[in-house]
Amino acid sequence: MAADERHLRVAVLGAGLIGIDLAEKTGRSPELDLVLVAGRGRDSLGRVRKVGGSLMVVWFDGMS
């Protein structure tokens, strides 16, 4: 892969309003590759699945 074709791999920690916004913006960027979103609840992470691509979604039940 040529240097100008490389994408920066990005992980978003937190799936609140700001995390979801960052995930959506990252997913639209041609230079960035959103690979992971981690959050505390399945409810908020359901919105992330709409971003698409090869994205790993992780949630942690019981975190405070």
PDB file of N, CA and C in Angstrom:
ATOM      1  N   MET A   1       0.842  -1.174   0.000  1.00  0.00           N
ATOM      2  CA  MET A   1       0.000   0.000   0.000  1.00  0.00           C
ATOM      3  C   MET A   1       0.885   1.234   0.000  1.00  0.00           C
ATOM      4  N   ALA A   2       0.611   2.159  -0.858  1.00  0.00           N
ATOM      5  CA  ALA A   2       1.391   3.389  -0.948  1.00  0.00           C
ATOM      6  C   ALA A   2       1.136   4.263   0.275  1.00  0.00           C
ATOM      7  N   ALA A   3       2.084   5.119   0.581  1.00  0.00           N
ATOM      8  CA  ALA A   3       1.976   5.967   1.770  1.00  0.00           C
ATOM      9  C   ALA A   3       0.735   6.849   1.724  1.00  0.00           C
ATOM     10  N   ASP A   4       0.342   7.314   0.540  1.00  0.00           N
ATOM     11  CA  ASP A   4      -0.819   8.189   0.446  1.00  0.00           C
ATOM     12  C   ASP A   4      -2.131   7.415   0.514  1.00  0.00           C
ATOM     13  N   GLU A   5      -2.094   6.082   0.530  1.00  0.00           N
ATOM     14  CA  GLU A   5      -3.304   5.273   0.625  1.00  0.00           C
ATOM     15  C   GLU A   5      -3.540   4.740   2.035  1.00  0.00           C
ATOM     16  N   ARG A   6      -2.640   4.982   2.956  1.00  0.00           N
ATOM     17  CA  ARG A   6      -2.790   4.478   4.316  1.00  0.00           C
ATOM     18  C   ARG A   6      -3.843   5.265   5.070  1.00  0.00           C
ATOM     19  N   HIS A   7      -4.572   4.552   5.909  1.00  0.00           N
ATOM     20  CA  HIS A   7      -5.579   5.181   6.755  1.00  0.00           C
ATOM     21  C   HIS A   7      -5.143   5.068   8.204  1.00  0.00           C
ATOM     22  N   LEU A   8      -5.410   6.089   8.969  1.00  0.00           N
ATOM     23  CA  LEU A   8      -5.138   6.067  10.394  1.00  0.00           C
ATOM     24  C   LEU A   8      -6.263   5.299  11.068  1.00  0.00           C
ATOM     25  N   ARG A   9      -5.917   4.259  11.834  1.00  0.00           N
ATOM     26  CA  ARG A   9      -6.913   3.454  12.523  1.00  0.00           C
ATOM     27  C   ARG A   9      -7.298   4.147  13.820  1.00  0.00           C
ATOM     28  N   VAL A  10      -8.609   4.261  14.086  1.00  0.00           N
ATOM     29  CA  VAL A  10      -9.125   5.036  15.204  1.00  0.00           C
ATOM     30  C   VAL A  10     -10.034   4.165  16.069  1.00  0.00           C
ATOM     31  N   ALA A  11      -9.897   4.317  17.388  1.00  0.00           N
ATOM     32  CA  ALA A  11     -10.812   3.696  18.353  1.00  0.00           C
ATOM     33  C   ALA A  11     -11.455   4.816  19.162  1.00  0.00           C
ATOM     34  N   VAL A  12     -12.756   4.706  19.390  1.00  0.00           N
ATOM     35  CA  VAL A  12     -13.475   5.682  20.200  1.00  0.00           C
ATOM     36  C   VAL A  12     -13.854   5.000  21.503  1.00  0.00           C
ATOM     37  N   LEU A  13     -13.415   5.568  22.611  1.00  0.00           N
ATOM     38  CA  LEU A  13     -13.749   5.045  23.929  1.00  0.00           C
ATOM     39  C   LEU A  13     -14.837   5.916  24.521  1.00  0.00           C
ATOM     40  N   GLY A  14     -16.019   5.336  24.652  1.00  0.00           N
ATOM     41  CA  GLY A  14     -17.181   6.063  25.148  1.00  0.00           C
ATOM     42  C   GLY A  14     -18.210   6.187  24.045  1.00  0.00           C
ATOM     43  N   ALA A  15     -19.424   5.733  24.336  1.00  0.00           N
ATOM     44  CA  ALA A  15     -20.474   5.758  23.323  1.00  0.00           C
ATOM     45  C   ALA A  15     -21.619   6.669  23.733  1.00  0.00           C
ATOM     46  N   GLY A  16     -21.267   7.742  24.430  1.00  0.00           N
ATOM     47  CA  GLY A  16     -22.256   8.767  24.745  1.00  0.00           C
ATOM     48  C   GLY A  16     -22.471   9.657  23.530  1.00  0.00           C
ATOM     49  N   LEU A  17     -23.072  10.797  23.732  1.00  0.00           N
ATOM     50  CA  LEU A  17     -23.358  11.694  22.613  1.00  0.00           C
ATOM     51  C   LEU A  17     -22.090  12.125  21.880  1.00  0.00           C
ATOM     52  N   ILE A  18     -21.056  12.447  22.617  1.00  0.00           N
ATOM     53  CA  ILE A  18     -19.812  12.888  21.982  1.00  0.00           C
ATOM     54  C   ILE A  18     -19.129  11.728  21.273  1.00  0.00           C
ATOM     55  N   GLY A  19     -19.085  10.555  21.910  1.00  0.00           N
ATOM     56  CA  GLY A  19     -18.468   9.385  21.284  1.00  0.00           C
ATOM     57  C   GLY A  19     -19.162   8.972  20.003  1.00  0.00           C
ATOM     58  N   ILE A  20     -20.501   8.994  20.009  1.00  0.00           N
ATOM     59  CA  ILE A  20     -21.266   8.648  18.807  1.00  0.00           C
ATOM     60  C   ILE A  20     -20.985   9.658  17.706  1.00  0.00           C
ATOM     61  N   ASP A  21     -20.931  10.940  18.065  1.00  0.00           N
ATOM     62  CA  ASP A  21     -20.631  11.986  17.084  1.00  0.00           C
ATOM     63  C   ASP A  21     -19.242  11.780  16.483  1.00  0.00           C
ATOM     64  N   LEU A  22     -18.256  11.478  17.324  1.00  0.00           N
ATOM     65  CA  LEU A  22     -16.898  11.231  16.823  1.00  0.00           C
ATOM     66  C   LEU A  22     -16.861  10.001  15.927  1.00  0.00           C
ATOM     67  N   ALA A  23     -17.581   8.940  16.304  1.00  0.00           N
ATOM     68  CA  ALA A  23     -17.612   7.721  15.494  1.00  0.00           C
ATOM     69  C   ALA A  23     -18.215   7.997  14.119  1.00  0.00           C
ATOM     70  N   GLU A  24     -19.301   8.750  14.080  1.00  0.00           N
ATOM     71  CA  GLU A  24     -19.943   9.071  12.796  1.00  0.00           C
ATOM     72  C   GLU A  24     -19.027   9.919  11.923  1.00  0.00           C
ATOM     73  N   LYS A  25     -18.382  10.910  12.501  1.00  0.00           N
ATOM     74  CA  LYS A  25     -17.480  11.767  11.724  1.00  0.00           C
ATOM     75  C   LYS A  25     -16.257  10.996  11.253  1.00  0.00           C
ATOM     76  N   THR A  26     -15.737  10.125  12.101  1.00  0.00           N
ATOM     77  CA  THR A  26     -14.594   9.299  11.713  1.00  0.00           C
ATOM     78  C   THR A  26     -14.976   8.359  10.585  1.00  0.00           C
ATOM     79  N   GLY A  27     -16.174   7.789  10.667  1.00  0.00           N
ATOM     80  CA  GLY A  27     -16.640   6.880   9.628  1.00  0.00           C
ATOM     81  C   GLY A  27     -16.798   7.544   8.273  1.00  0.00           C
ATOM     82  N   ARG A  28     -17.036   8.836   8.248  1.00  0.00           N
ATOM     83  CA  ARG A  28     -17.187   9.562   6.978  1.00  0.00           C
ATOM     84  C   ARG A  28     -15.870  10.047   6.397  1.00  0.00           C
ATOM     85  N   SER A  29     -14.815   9.995   7.185  1.00  0.00           N
ATOM     86  CA  SER A  29     -13.527  10.525   6.741  1.00  0.00           C
ATOM     87  C   SER A  29     -12.807   9.542   5.830  1.00  0.00           C
ATOM     88  N   PRO A  30     -12.303  10.002   4.684  1.00  0.00           N
ATOM     89  CA  PRO A  30     -11.561   9.107   3.799  1.00  0.00           C
ATOM     90  C   PRO A  30     -10.157   8.771   4.319  1.00  0.00           C
ATOM     91  N   GLU A  31      -9.636   9.553   5.280  1.00  0.00           N
ATOM     92  CA  GLU A  31      -8.303   9.314   5.807  1.00  0.00           C
ATOM     93  C   GLU A  31      -8.291   8.457   7.058  1.00  0.00           C
ATOM     94  N   LEU A  32      -9.458   8.251   7.686  1.00  0.00           N
ATOM     95  CA  LEU A  32      -9.531   7.537   8.956  1.00  0.00           C
ATOM     96  C   LEU A  32     -10.298   6.233   8.797  1.00  0.00           C
ATOM     97  N   ASP A  33      -9.918   5.235   9.593  1.00  0.00           N
ATOM     98  CA  ASP A  33     -10.575   3.936   9.582  1.00  0.00           C
ATOM     99  C   ASP A  33     -11.027   3.629  11.003  1.00  0.00           C
ATOM    100  N   LEU A  34     -12.336   3.737  11.258  1.00  0.00           N
ATOM    101  CA  LEU A  34     -12.889   3.470  12.580  1.00  0.00           C
ATOM    102  C   LEU A  34     -12.922   1.965  12.799  1.00  0.00           C
ATOM    103  N   VAL A  35     -12.174   1.486  13.792  1.00  0.00           N
ATOM    104  CA  VAL A  35     -12.064   0.042  14.003  1.00  0.00           C
ATOM    105  C   VAL A  35     -12.701  -0.430  15.296  1.00  0.00           C
ATOM    106  N   LEU A  36     -12.932   0.454  16.267  1.00  0.00           N
ATOM    107  CA  LEU A  36     -13.487   0.017  17.541  1.00  0.00           C
ATOM    108  C   LEU A  36     -14.238   1.146  18.214  1.00  0.00           C
ATOM    109  N   VAL A  37     -15.380   0.800  18.796  1.00  0.00           N
ATOM    110  CA  VAL A  37     -16.104   1.711  19.683  1.00  0.00           C
ATOM    111  C   VAL A  37     -16.429   0.921  20.942  1.00  0.00           C
ATOM    112  N   ALA A  38     -16.051   1.444  22.096  1.00  0.00           N
ATOM    113  CA  ALA A  38     -16.306   0.776  23.370  1.00  0.00           C
ATOM    114  C   ALA A  38     -17.164   1.672  24.241  1.00  0.00           C
ATOM    115  N   GLY A  39     -18.118   1.060  24.935  1.00  0.00           N
ATOM    116  CA  GLY A  39     -18.994   1.823  25.811  1.00  0.00           C
ATOM    117  C   GLY A  39     -19.516   0.964  26.944  1.00  0.00           C
ATOM    118  N   ARG A  40     -20.362   1.573  27.784  1.00  0.00           N
ATOM    119  CA  ARG A  40     -20.846   0.882  28.967  1.00  0.00           C
ATOM    120  C   ARG A  40     -22.187   0.193  28.768  1.00  0.00           C
ATOM    121  N   GLY A  41     -22.931   0.507  27.748  1.00  0.00           N
ATOM    122  CA  GLY A  41     -24.256  -0.081  27.597  1.00  0.00           C
ATOM    123  C   GLY A  41     -24.584  -0.423  26.169  1.00  0.00           C
ATOM    124  N   ARG A  42     -25.349  -1.484  26.004  1.00  0.00           N
ATOM    125  CA  ARG A  42     -25.740  -1.916  24.657  1.00  0.00           C
ATOM    126  C   ARG A  42     -26.646  -0.895  23.969  1.00  0.00           C
ATOM    127  N   ASP A  43     -27.428  -0.151  24.751  1.00  0.00           N
ATOM    128  CA  ASP A  43     -28.372   0.809  24.159  1.00  0.00           C
ATOM    129  C   ASP A  43     -27.654   1.853  23.316  1.00  0.00           C
ATOM    130  N   SER A  44     -26.623   2.478  23.878  1.00  0.00           N
ATOM    131  CA  SER A  44     -25.921   3.530  23.143  1.00  0.00           C
ATOM    132  C   SER A  44     -25.099   2.957  21.997  1.00  0.00           C
ATOM    133  N   LEU A  45     -24.584   1.745  22.151  1.00  0.00           N
ATOM    134  CA  LEU A  45     -23.754   1.160  21.103  1.00  0.00           C
ATOM    135  C   LEU A  45     -24.575   0.713  19.903  1.00  0.00           C
ATOM    136  N   GLY A  46     -25.879   0.541  20.062  1.00  0.00           N
ATOM    137  CA  GLY A  46     -26.725   0.193  18.926  1.00  0.00           C
ATOM    138  C   GLY A  46     -26.700   1.269  17.854  1.00  0.00           C
ATOM    139  N   ARG A  47     -26.534   2.510  18.252  1.00  0.00           N
ATOM    140  CA  ARG A  47     -26.477   3.609  17.289  1.00  0.00           C
ATOM    141  C   ARG A  47     -25.200   3.576  16.465  1.00  0.00           C
ATOM    142  N   VAL A  48     -24.140   3.014  17.026  1.00  0.00           N
ATOM    143  CA  VAL A  48     -22.847   2.986  16.341  1.00  0.00           C
ATOM    144  C   VAL A  48     -22.876   2.034  15.152  1.00  0.00           C
ATOM    145  N   ARG A  49     -23.650   0.982  15.223  1.00  0.00           N
ATOM    146  CA  ARG A  49     -23.691  -0.022  14.158  1.00  0.00           C
ATOM    147  C   ARG A  49     -24.073   0.585  12.809  1.00  0.00           C
ATOM    148  N   LYS A  50     -24.728   1.724  12.818  1.00  0.00           N
ATOM    149  CA  LYS A  50     -25.128   2.384  11.577  1.00  0.00           C
ATOM    150  C   LYS A  50     -23.943   2.948  10.808  1.00  0.00           C
ATOM    151  N   VAL A  51     -22.809   3.130  11.485  1.00  0.00           N
ATOM    152  CA  VAL A  51     -21.622   3.700  10.838  1.00  0.00           C
ATOM    153  C   VAL A  51     -21.109   2.757   9.762  1.00  0.00           C
ATOM    154  N   GLY A  52     -21.166   1.438  10.026  1.00  0.00           N
ATOM    155  CA  GLY A  52     -20.776   0.441   9.032  1.00  0.00           C
ATOM    156  C   GLY A  52     -19.285   0.198   8.974  1.00  0.00           C
ATOM    157  N   GLY A  53     -18.865  -0.504   7.916  1.00  0.00           N
ATOM    158  CA  GLY A  53     -17.456  -0.852   7.768  1.00  0.00           C
ATOM    159  C   GLY A  53     -17.095  -2.041   8.628  1.00  0.00           C
ATOM    160  N   SER A  54     -15.811  -2.285   8.771  1.00  0.00           N
ATOM    161  CA  SER A  54     -15.342  -3.390   9.601  1.00  0.00           C
ATOM    162  C   SER A  54     -15.101  -2.868  11.012  1.00  0.00           C
ATOM    163  N   LEU A  55     -16.172  -2.654  11.730  1.00  0.00           N
ATOM    164  CA  LEU A  55     -16.141  -2.006  13.034  1.00  0.00           C
ATOM    165  C   LEU A  55     -16.409  -3.026  14.129  1.00  0.00           C
ATOM    166  N   MET A  56     -15.597  -3.007  15.181  1.00  0.00           N
ATOM    167  CA  MET A  56     -15.830  -3.840  16.353  1.00  0.00           C
ATOM    168  C   MET A  56     -16.515  -2.980  17.405  1.00  0.00           C
ATOM    169  N   VAL A  57     -17.630  -3.473  17.926  1.00  0.00           N
ATOM    170  CA  VAL A  57     -18.376  -2.756  18.953  1.00  0.00           C
ATOM    171  C   VAL A  57     -18.275  -3.564  20.243  1.00  0.00           C
ATOM    172  N   VAL A  58     -17.843  -2.923  21.322  1.00  0.00           N
ATOM    173  CA  VAL A  58     -17.637  -3.596  22.603  1.00  0.00           C
ATOM    174  C   VAL A  58     -18.394  -2.831  23.683  1.00  0.00           C
ATOM    175  N   TRP A  59     -19.063  -3.561  24.560  1.00  0.00           N
ATOM    176  CA  TRP A  59     -19.713  -2.916  25.688  1.00  0.00           C
ATOM    177  C   TRP A  59     -19.284  -3.606  26.972  1.00  0.00           C
ATOM    178  N   PHE A  60     -19.352  -2.871  28.061  1.00  0.00           N
ATOM    179  CA  PHE A  60     -18.964  -3.372  29.372  1.00  0.00           C
ATOM    180  C   PHE A  60     -20.135  -3.178  30.322  1.00  0.00           C
ATOM    181  N   ASP A  61     -20.810  -4.255  30.667  1.00  0.00           N
ATOM    182  CA  ASP A  61     -21.906  -4.168  31.636  1.00  0.00           C
ATOM    183  C   ASP A  61     -21.328  -4.063  33.049  1.00  0.00           C
ATOM    184  N   GLY A  62     -21.932  -3.213  33.851  1.00  0.00           N
ATOM    185  CA  GLY A  62     -21.523  -3.123  35.230  1.00  0.00           C
ATOM    186  C   GLY A  62     -20.355  -2.200  35.501  1.00  0.00           C
ATOM    187  N   MET A  63     -19.860  -1.513  34.491  1.00  0.00           N
ATOM    188  CA  MET A  63     -18.788  -0.544  34.747  1.00  0.00           C
ATOM    189  C   MET A  63     -19.369   0.701  35.383  1.00  0.00           C
ATOM    190  N   SER A  64     -18.644   1.294  36.280  1.00  0.00           N
ATOM    191  CA  SER A  64     -19.126   2.534  36.875  1.00  0.00           C
ATOM    192  C   SER A  64     -18.169   3.668  36.613  1.00  0.00           C
TER     193      SER A  64
END
